[in-house]
């Protein structure tokens, strides 16, 4: 299952956005209002729980300086990645887009597609507020 957020234009340079997103504790500021739990586990991983959802653990898998952040699930039960792509549009602005990619059976995909789409859309919108 592949999902993507709308491309969000932000009045910040790519370096500042990359710096913010590469610190996993900052993801707490991007979470939807339905967040029930958020905990930094170490400098590369965190866990969170949204209302009526299981606890999800993510870790920073890789980065491309000022251009890309790749987070991945720490559990093999729900294998997925969340990629943030940052495109510099000028010295003072950038576009950011999030991409979710997961391997789920058809039934699971039907159940989680809408909530995950809403989740990544909310994360992208909240990046504007940083």
N, C-alpha and C. Protein backbone atom coordinates (compact mmCIF):
# COMPACT_ATOMS: atom_id res chain seq x y z
N UNK A 1 0.85 -1.17 0.00
CA UNK A 1 0.00 0.00 0.00
C UNK A 1 0.89 1.24 0.00
N UNK A 2 0.66 2.12 -0.95
CA UNK A 2 1.42 3.36 -1.06
C UNK A 2 0.47 4.54 -0.96
N UNK A 3 0.77 5.45 -0.05
CA UNK A 3 -0.03 6.65 0.14
C UNK A 3 0.91 7.85 0.16
N UNK A 4 0.38 9.01 -0.21
CA UNK A 4 1.18 10.22 -0.13
C UNK A 4 0.33 11.40 0.32
N UNK A 5 0.98 12.31 1.02
CA UNK A 5 0.31 13.54 1.45
C UNK A 5 0.33 14.54 0.31
N UNK A 6 -0.49 15.56 0.40
CA UNK A 6 -0.33 16.66 -0.57
C UNK A 6 1.03 17.31 -0.35
N UNK A 7 1.55 17.94 -1.37
CA UNK A 7 2.80 18.68 -1.24
C UNK A 7 2.49 19.98 -0.50
N UNK A 8 3.25 20.25 0.56
CA UNK A 8 3.03 21.42 1.41
C UNK A 8 4.16 22.42 1.18
N UNK A 9 3.80 23.66 0.90
CA UNK A 9 4.79 24.73 0.75
C UNK A 9 4.99 25.42 2.09
N UNK A 10 6.27 25.58 2.46
CA UNK A 10 6.62 26.14 3.77
C UNK A 10 7.62 27.27 3.59
N UNK A 11 7.44 28.32 4.35
CA UNK A 11 8.36 29.47 4.29
C UNK A 11 9.56 29.24 5.20
N UNK A 12 10.27 28.16 4.95
CA UNK A 12 11.53 27.84 5.65
C UNK A 12 12.43 27.17 4.63
N UNK A 13 13.73 27.35 4.83
CA UNK A 13 14.65 26.70 3.89
C UNK A 13 14.76 25.21 4.19
N UNK A 14 15.22 24.45 3.22
CA UNK A 14 15.30 22.99 3.32
C UNK A 14 16.17 22.56 4.49
N UNK A 15 17.25 23.29 4.75
CA UNK A 15 18.16 22.93 5.84
C UNK A 15 17.44 22.97 7.19
N UNK A 16 16.63 24.01 7.43
CA UNK A 16 15.91 24.13 8.70
C UNK A 16 14.87 23.03 8.85
N UNK A 17 14.15 22.72 7.80
CA UNK A 17 13.14 21.66 7.85
C UNK A 17 13.80 20.31 8.09
N UNK A 18 14.89 20.05 7.37
CA UNK A 18 15.62 18.80 7.55
C UNK A 18 16.12 18.67 8.99
N UNK A 19 16.67 19.74 9.51
CA UNK A 19 17.19 19.73 10.88
C UNK A 19 16.09 19.40 11.88
N UNK A 20 14.91 19.99 11.69
CA UNK A 20 13.77 19.73 12.57
C UNK A 20 13.32 18.27 12.47
N UNK A 21 13.14 17.78 11.26
CA UNK A 21 12.62 16.42 11.07
C UNK A 21 13.62 15.33 11.43
N UNK A 22 14.90 15.64 11.43
CA UNK A 22 15.89 14.59 11.75
C UNK A 22 16.05 14.40 13.26
N UNK A 23 15.38 15.20 14.06
CA UNK A 23 15.35 15.00 15.51
C UNK A 23 14.00 14.35 15.84
N UNK A 24 14.03 13.06 16.16
CA UNK A 24 12.78 12.30 16.31
C UNK A 24 11.86 12.86 17.39
N UNK A 25 12.42 13.49 18.42
CA UNK A 25 11.55 14.04 19.48
C UNK A 25 10.64 15.15 18.94
N UNK A 26 11.02 15.77 17.82
CA UNK A 26 10.19 16.84 17.24
C UNK A 26 8.90 16.31 16.61
N UNK A 27 8.83 15.03 16.36
CA UNK A 27 7.60 14.48 15.76
C UNK A 27 6.40 14.61 16.70
N UNK A 28 6.66 14.76 18.00
CA UNK A 28 5.55 14.96 18.94
C UNK A 28 4.79 16.24 18.58
N UNK A 29 5.49 17.26 18.09
CA UNK A 29 4.86 18.53 17.72
C UNK A 29 4.03 18.42 16.45
N UNK A 30 4.23 17.35 15.68
CA UNK A 30 3.51 17.16 14.42
C UNK A 30 2.29 16.26 14.55
N UNK A 31 2.18 15.59 15.67
CA UNK A 31 1.13 14.59 15.85
C UNK A 31 -0.27 15.21 15.87
N UNK A 32 -1.27 14.42 15.44
CA UNK A 32 -2.66 14.90 15.49
C UNK A 32 -3.13 15.08 16.93
N UNK A 33 -4.24 15.76 17.09
CA UNK A 33 -4.79 16.00 18.42
C UNK A 33 -5.21 14.71 19.12
N UNK A 34 -5.44 13.65 18.36
CA UNK A 34 -5.89 12.37 18.94
C UNK A 34 -4.73 11.56 19.55
N UNK A 35 -3.56 12.19 19.69
CA UNK A 35 -2.41 11.49 20.27
C UNK A 35 -2.69 11.17 21.74
N UNK A 36 -2.43 9.94 22.13
CA UNK A 36 -2.62 9.55 23.52
C UNK A 36 -1.29 9.32 24.21
N UNK A 37 -0.25 9.01 23.41
CA UNK A 37 1.05 8.71 24.00
C UNK A 37 2.13 9.05 23.00
N UNK A 38 3.23 9.63 23.49
CA UNK A 38 4.41 9.87 22.68
C UNK A 38 5.61 9.75 23.59
N UNK A 39 6.62 9.00 23.15
CA UNK A 39 7.81 8.82 23.97
C UNK A 39 9.03 8.66 23.07
N UNK A 40 10.05 9.49 23.32
CA UNK A 40 11.33 9.31 22.63
C UNK A 40 12.03 8.14 23.29
N UNK A 41 12.45 7.16 22.49
CA UNK A 41 13.12 5.98 23.04
C UNK A 41 14.62 6.20 23.10
N UNK A 42 15.17 6.83 22.07
CA UNK A 42 16.57 7.22 22.00
C UNK A 42 16.67 8.27 20.91
N UNK A 43 17.88 8.64 20.50
CA UNK A 43 18.01 9.73 19.53
C UNK A 43 17.54 9.37 18.12
N UNK A 44 17.26 8.08 17.88
CA UNK A 44 16.82 7.66 16.54
C UNK A 44 15.46 6.98 16.52
N UNK A 45 14.79 6.88 17.66
CA UNK A 45 13.50 6.18 17.65
C UNK A 45 12.52 6.76 18.66
N UNK A 46 11.25 6.53 18.38
CA UNK A 46 10.18 6.98 19.26
C UNK A 46 8.98 6.06 19.10
N UNK A 47 8.07 6.17 20.05
CA UNK A 47 6.81 5.45 19.93
C UNK A 47 5.68 6.45 20.12
N UNK A 48 4.55 6.09 19.53
CA UNK A 48 3.36 6.92 19.71
C UNK A 48 2.13 6.04 19.62
N UNK A 49 1.04 6.59 20.17
CA UNK A 49 -0.24 5.89 20.10
C UNK A 49 -1.32 6.94 19.88
N UNK A 50 -2.14 6.68 18.88
CA UNK A 50 -3.31 7.51 18.62
C UNK A 50 -4.52 6.83 19.24
N UNK A 51 -5.56 7.59 19.49
CA UNK A 51 -6.78 7.05 20.09
C UNK A 51 -7.29 5.86 19.27
N UNK A 52 -7.60 4.77 19.96
CA UNK A 52 -8.14 3.54 19.36
C UNK A 52 -7.17 2.85 18.40
N UNK A 53 -5.89 3.09 18.55
CA UNK A 53 -4.88 2.46 17.69
C UNK A 53 -3.82 1.81 18.58
N UNK A 54 -3.08 0.83 18.03
CA UNK A 54 -2.00 0.23 18.81
C UNK A 54 -0.81 1.19 18.92
N UNK A 55 0.10 0.89 19.84
CA UNK A 55 1.35 1.65 19.96
C UNK A 55 2.21 1.33 18.74
N UNK A 56 2.76 2.36 18.13
CA UNK A 56 3.62 2.19 16.96
C UNK A 56 5.00 2.74 17.29
N UNK A 57 6.03 1.94 17.00
CA UNK A 57 7.41 2.36 17.22
C UNK A 57 8.06 2.63 15.87
N UNK A 58 8.67 3.80 15.75
CA UNK A 58 9.37 4.19 14.53
C UNK A 58 10.81 4.51 14.84
N UNK A 59 11.67 4.24 13.86
CA UNK A 59 13.07 4.61 14.02
C UNK A 59 13.57 5.28 12.74
N UNK A 60 14.52 6.17 12.91
CA UNK A 60 15.14 6.85 11.80
C UNK A 60 16.04 5.85 11.08
N UNK A 61 15.70 5.53 9.83
CA UNK A 61 16.45 4.53 9.05
C UNK A 61 17.57 5.16 8.25
N UNK A 62 17.28 6.30 7.59
CA UNK A 62 18.31 6.95 6.78
C UNK A 62 17.92 8.40 6.50
N UNK A 63 18.91 9.16 6.07
CA UNK A 63 18.67 10.56 5.70
C UNK A 63 19.51 10.90 4.48
N UNK A 64 19.03 11.88 3.74
CA UNK A 64 19.79 12.51 2.66
C UNK A 64 19.81 13.98 3.03
N UNK A 65 20.99 14.50 3.35
CA UNK A 65 21.15 15.86 3.88
C UNK A 65 20.27 16.88 3.16
N UNK A 66 19.43 17.56 3.94
CA UNK A 66 18.55 18.64 3.48
C UNK A 66 17.54 18.22 2.42
N UNK A 67 17.31 16.92 2.24
CA UNK A 67 16.41 16.48 1.17
C UNK A 67 15.44 15.36 1.56
N UNK A 68 15.84 14.46 2.47
CA UNK A 68 14.99 13.30 2.72
C UNK A 68 15.24 12.71 4.10
N UNK A 69 14.14 12.28 4.72
CA UNK A 69 14.16 11.57 6.00
C UNK A 69 13.38 10.28 5.79
N UNK A 70 13.91 9.15 6.22
CA UNK A 70 13.21 7.88 6.11
C UNK A 70 13.05 7.27 7.49
N UNK A 71 11.80 7.11 7.91
CA UNK A 71 11.47 6.44 9.16
C UNK A 71 10.90 5.07 8.82
N UNK A 72 11.15 4.10 9.68
CA UNK A 72 10.60 2.77 9.47
C UNK A 72 10.10 2.17 10.76
N UNK A 73 9.15 1.25 10.64
CA UNK A 73 8.61 0.56 11.81
C UNK A 73 9.69 -0.29 12.46
N UNK A 74 9.70 -0.29 13.79
CA UNK A 74 10.65 -1.13 14.52
C UNK A 74 10.15 -2.56 14.69
N UNK A 75 8.91 -2.81 14.29
CA UNK A 75 8.31 -4.13 14.43
C UNK A 75 8.06 -4.74 13.06
N UNK A 76 8.29 -6.03 12.95
CA UNK A 76 8.01 -6.73 11.69
C UNK A 76 6.52 -7.04 11.53
N UNK A 77 5.72 -6.85 12.60
CA UNK A 77 4.29 -7.14 12.52
C UNK A 77 3.58 -6.21 11.54
N UNK A 78 3.97 -4.95 11.53
CA UNK A 78 3.41 -3.95 10.60
C UNK A 78 4.57 -3.30 9.85
N UNK A 79 5.08 -3.97 8.81
CA UNK A 79 6.24 -3.42 8.11
C UNK A 79 5.86 -2.24 7.21
N UNK A 80 6.39 -1.06 7.54
CA UNK A 80 6.11 0.11 6.71
C UNK A 80 7.21 1.15 6.87
N UNK A 81 7.24 2.08 5.94
CA UNK A 81 8.16 3.21 6.02
C UNK A 81 7.38 4.50 5.81
N UNK A 82 7.91 5.56 6.36
CA UNK A 82 7.37 6.91 6.17
C UNK A 82 8.53 7.79 5.73
N UNK A 83 8.43 8.28 4.50
CA UNK A 83 9.50 9.09 3.93
C UNK A 83 9.04 10.53 3.83
N UNK A 84 9.89 11.45 4.26
CA UNK A 84 9.65 12.87 4.08
C UNK A 84 10.61 13.40 3.04
N UNK A 85 10.08 13.96 1.96
CA UNK A 85 10.92 14.54 0.91
C UNK A 85 10.84 16.05 1.00
N UNK A 86 11.99 16.69 0.98
CA UNK A 86 12.08 18.14 1.09
C UNK A 86 12.71 18.67 -0.20
N UNK A 87 11.98 19.56 -0.88
CA UNK A 87 12.49 20.17 -2.11
C UNK A 87 12.62 21.67 -1.89
N UNK A 88 13.82 22.17 -2.01
CA UNK A 88 14.05 23.60 -1.86
C UNK A 88 13.48 24.32 -3.08
N UNK A 89 12.65 25.34 -2.84
CA UNK A 89 12.07 26.12 -3.94
C UNK A 89 12.72 27.50 -4.04
N UNK A 90 13.34 27.95 -2.95
CA UNK A 90 14.09 29.20 -2.94
C UNK A 90 14.98 29.18 -1.70
N UNK A 91 15.70 30.27 -1.46
CA UNK A 91 16.55 30.33 -0.26
C UNK A 91 15.74 30.35 1.03
N UNK A 92 14.47 30.74 0.92
CA UNK A 92 13.65 30.88 2.13
C UNK A 92 12.38 30.03 2.12
N UNK A 93 12.21 29.15 1.14
CA UNK A 93 11.01 28.31 1.13
C UNK A 93 11.29 26.93 0.54
N UNK A 94 10.43 26.00 0.91
CA UNK A 94 10.59 24.61 0.49
C UNK A 94 9.23 23.94 0.36
N UNK A 95 9.20 22.85 -0.38
CA UNK A 95 8.04 21.98 -0.45
C UNK A 95 8.37 20.70 0.30
N UNK A 96 7.38 20.20 1.04
CA UNK A 96 7.55 18.95 1.79
C UNK A 96 6.39 18.03 1.43
N UNK A 97 6.71 16.75 1.24
CA UNK A 97 5.69 15.76 0.96
C UNK A 97 6.06 14.48 1.70
N UNK A 98 5.05 13.80 2.25
CA UNK A 98 5.25 12.55 2.98
C UNK A 98 4.73 11.38 2.15
N UNK A 99 5.47 10.28 2.22
CA UNK A 99 5.11 9.06 1.49
C UNK A 99 5.10 7.89 2.46
N UNK A 100 3.99 7.17 2.48
CA UNK A 100 3.83 5.98 3.32
C UNK A 100 3.86 4.76 2.41
N UNK A 101 4.66 3.77 2.78
CA UNK A 101 4.72 2.53 2.02
C UNK A 101 4.70 1.36 2.99
N UNK A 102 3.72 0.46 2.82
CA UNK A 102 3.61 -0.68 3.72
C UNK A 102 3.17 -1.93 3.00
N UNK A 103 3.54 -3.05 3.56
CA UNK A 103 3.17 -4.36 3.02
C UNK A 103 2.10 -4.97 3.91
N UNK A 104 0.84 -4.89 3.45
CA UNK A 104 -0.27 -5.40 4.23
C UNK A 104 -1.16 -6.26 3.33
N UNK A 105 -1.87 -7.20 3.95
CA UNK A 105 -2.82 -7.98 3.16
C UNK A 105 -4.01 -7.09 2.79
N UNK A 106 -4.83 -7.56 1.87
CA UNK A 106 -5.92 -6.75 1.33
C UNK A 106 -6.91 -6.30 2.42
N UNK A 107 -7.23 -7.19 3.33
CA UNK A 107 -8.19 -6.85 4.39
C UNK A 107 -7.62 -5.76 5.30
N UNK A 108 -6.37 -5.92 5.70
CA UNK A 108 -5.72 -4.93 6.56
C UNK A 108 -5.62 -3.59 5.83
N UNK A 109 -5.27 -3.61 4.56
CA UNK A 109 -5.15 -2.38 3.77
C UNK A 109 -6.46 -1.62 3.75
N UNK A 110 -7.57 -2.34 3.56
CA UNK A 110 -8.89 -1.69 3.54
C UNK A 110 -9.18 -1.01 4.87
N UNK A 111 -8.81 -1.66 5.96
CA UNK A 111 -9.12 -1.13 7.29
C UNK A 111 -8.27 0.09 7.65
N UNK A 112 -7.01 0.09 7.23
CA UNK A 112 -6.11 1.15 7.71
C UNK A 112 -5.84 2.26 6.70
N UNK A 113 -6.27 2.08 5.46
CA UNK A 113 -5.95 3.07 4.43
C UNK A 113 -6.43 4.48 4.80
N UNK A 114 -7.68 4.62 5.16
CA UNK A 114 -8.24 5.93 5.47
C UNK A 114 -7.59 6.57 6.70
N UNK A 115 -7.46 5.84 7.83
CA UNK A 115 -6.82 6.47 9.00
C UNK A 115 -5.36 6.85 8.73
N UNK A 116 -4.64 6.05 7.97
CA UNK A 116 -3.24 6.38 7.70
C UNK A 116 -3.14 7.57 6.77
N UNK A 117 -4.02 7.64 5.78
CA UNK A 117 -4.02 8.81 4.89
C UNK A 117 -4.28 10.09 5.69
N UNK A 118 -5.25 10.02 6.57
CA UNK A 118 -5.57 11.18 7.42
C UNK A 118 -4.37 11.53 8.30
N UNK A 119 -3.71 10.52 8.84
CA UNK A 119 -2.55 10.73 9.71
C UNK A 119 -1.42 11.44 8.96
N UNK A 120 -1.04 10.95 7.78
CA UNK A 120 0.08 11.58 7.07
C UNK A 120 -0.30 12.97 6.56
N UNK A 121 -1.57 13.16 6.21
CA UNK A 121 -2.02 14.51 5.82
C UNK A 121 -1.89 15.48 7.00
N UNK A 122 -2.25 15.02 8.19
CA UNK A 122 -2.14 15.86 9.40
C UNK A 122 -0.68 16.17 9.71
N UNK A 123 0.19 15.17 9.62
CA UNK A 123 1.62 15.43 9.85
C UNK A 123 2.14 16.49 8.90
N UNK A 124 1.79 16.35 7.62
CA UNK A 124 2.26 17.31 6.61
C UNK A 124 1.74 18.71 6.91
N UNK A 125 0.46 18.83 7.23
CA UNK A 125 -0.11 20.14 7.56
C UNK A 125 0.56 20.75 8.78
N UNK A 126 0.87 19.92 9.78
CA UNK A 126 1.49 20.43 11.00
C UNK A 126 2.94 20.85 10.79
N UNK A 127 3.57 20.37 9.74
CA UNK A 127 4.94 20.82 9.44
C UNK A 127 4.94 22.33 9.16
N UNK A 128 3.85 22.84 8.63
CA UNK A 128 3.74 24.28 8.37
C UNK A 128 3.91 25.11 9.65
N UNK A 129 3.57 24.52 10.78
CA UNK A 129 3.57 25.24 12.06
C UNK A 129 4.93 25.29 12.74
N UNK A 130 5.90 24.59 12.20
CA UNK A 130 7.21 24.55 12.89
C UNK A 130 7.96 25.85 12.76
